[in-house]
């Protein structure tokens, strides 16, 4: 069964997804990712890619702090990590930003 656009948005919003984030993802993925026929598969891809609403700098700092710098590190350790370069490298291919939402390239 093919859903109408209104039915699709109802189901996506009922699943708890932010319409602005879905639209940001959709606009950057192209028409082949329009979820009208198989929204469950499409929304699964969206969920996998969506990292949340934040700036690219906030995302880079959060990821670096969680993945590379142990939480119990002394404060001076943080001065050695170049967040700006890490942010630049992340968004050269692994991640992308649209309208304040961060997505992982899948």
Protein backbone atom coordinates (compact mmCIF):
# COMPACT_ATOMS: atom_id res chain seq x y z
CA UNK A 1 0.00 0.00 0.00
CA UNK A 2 1.32 3.40 -0.96
CA UNK A 3 0.90 6.09 1.65
CA UNK A 4 -0.10 9.65 0.93
CA UNK A 5 2.31 12.33 2.02
CA UNK A 6 0.05 13.28 4.95
CA UNK A 7 -0.23 9.65 6.11
CA UNK A 8 3.52 9.27 5.86
CA UNK A 9 4.17 12.31 8.07
CA UNK A 10 1.60 11.11 10.59
CA UNK A 11 3.39 7.78 10.92
CA UNK A 12 6.85 9.36 11.07
CA UNK A 13 5.73 11.79 13.79
CA UNK A 14 3.92 9.00 15.67
CA UNK A 15 7.24 7.13 15.68
CA UNK A 16 8.66 10.09 17.62
CA UNK A 17 10.77 11.73 14.94
CA UNK A 18 11.27 15.45 14.52
CA UNK A 19 9.87 16.58 11.17
CA UNK A 20 12.57 19.25 10.75
CA UNK A 21 15.33 16.65 11.16
CA UNK A 22 13.63 14.26 8.74
CA UNK A 23 13.21 17.06 6.19
CA UNK A 24 16.88 18.08 6.59
CA UNK A 25 17.97 14.49 5.97
CA UNK A 26 15.57 14.02 3.07
CA UNK A 27 16.57 17.24 1.31
CA UNK A 28 20.21 16.23 1.34
CA UNK A 29 19.72 12.61 0.33
CA UNK A 30 17.87 13.22 -2.92
CA UNK A 31 14.63 11.93 -4.32
CA UNK A 32 15.74 8.28 -4.29
CA UNK A 33 15.34 8.51 -0.51
CA UNK A 34 11.76 9.75 -0.58
CA UNK A 35 9.98 7.38 1.81
CA UNK A 36 6.52 7.28 0.25
CA UNK A 37 6.56 3.60 -0.72
CA UNK A 38 8.67 2.02 2.01
CA UNK A 39 8.80 4.42 4.91
CA UNK A 40 9.91 1.80 7.48
CA UNK A 41 13.15 1.10 5.60
CA UNK A 42 13.72 4.76 4.90
CA UNK A 43 13.11 5.84 8.50
CA UNK A 44 15.48 3.10 9.66
CA UNK A 45 18.20 4.69 7.51
CA UNK A 46 17.32 8.08 8.96
CA UNK A 47 17.56 6.75 12.53
CA UNK A 48 20.95 5.20 11.81
CA UNK A 49 22.29 8.42 10.30
CA UNK A 50 20.75 10.97 12.69
CA UNK A 51 23.15 12.12 15.41
CA UNK A 52 20.99 14.93 16.79
CA UNK A 53 20.59 18.67 16.72
CA UNK A 54 23.78 20.59 17.55
CA UNK A 55 26.58 22.54 15.95
CA UNK A 56 29.38 20.73 14.18
CA UNK A 57 31.76 21.96 16.90
CA UNK A 58 29.55 20.63 19.70
CA UNK A 59 29.32 17.27 17.95
CA UNK A 60 33.09 17.06 17.42
CA UNK A 61 33.79 17.92 21.05
CA UNK A 62 31.22 15.43 22.31
CA UNK A 63 32.53 12.63 20.11
CA UNK A 64 36.16 13.32 20.98
CA UNK A 65 35.43 13.50 24.70
CA UNK A 66 33.43 10.26 24.64
CA UNK A 67 35.64 8.25 22.28
CA UNK A 68 39.21 9.44 22.77
CA UNK A 69 39.63 11.21 26.09
CA UNK A 70 38.88 9.22 29.24
CA UNK A 71 36.38 10.94 31.54
CA UNK A 72 38.77 10.84 34.48
CA UNK A 73 41.57 12.60 32.56
CA UNK A 74 43.11 15.65 34.18
CA UNK A 75 41.89 18.93 32.68
CA UNK A 76 45.27 19.71 31.09
CA UNK A 77 44.88 16.70 28.75
CA UNK A 78 42.06 18.48 26.94
CA UNK A 79 44.42 21.28 25.88
CA UNK A 80 46.37 18.83 23.72
CA UNK A 81 43.43 17.75 21.60
CA UNK A 82 42.78 19.89 18.52
CA UNK A 83 38.98 19.96 18.37
CA UNK A 84 38.97 22.30 15.38
CA UNK A 85 40.99 19.92 13.18
CA UNK A 86 39.00 16.96 14.44
CA UNK A 87 35.77 18.76 13.51
CA UNK A 88 37.10 19.56 10.04
CA UNK A 89 38.16 15.96 9.44
CA UNK A 90 34.84 14.51 10.66
CA UNK A 91 32.86 16.64 8.25
CA UNK A 92 35.06 15.87 5.24
CA UNK A 93 33.23 12.58 4.73
CA UNK A 94 32.06 10.68 7.80
CA UNK A 95 29.43 13.17 8.91
CA UNK A 96 27.44 16.04 7.44
CA UNK A 97 25.29 18.85 8.78
CA UNK A 98 21.99 20.23 7.52
CA UNK A 99 19.91 22.95 9.21
CA UNK A 100 21.54 22.32 12.59
CA UNK A 101 21.17 18.52 12.47
CA UNK A 102 24.15 16.17 12.28
CA UNK A 103 24.03 12.98 10.20
CA UNK A 104 26.47 10.13 9.76
CA UNK A 105 27.20 9.17 6.19
CA UNK A 106 25.87 5.65 5.64
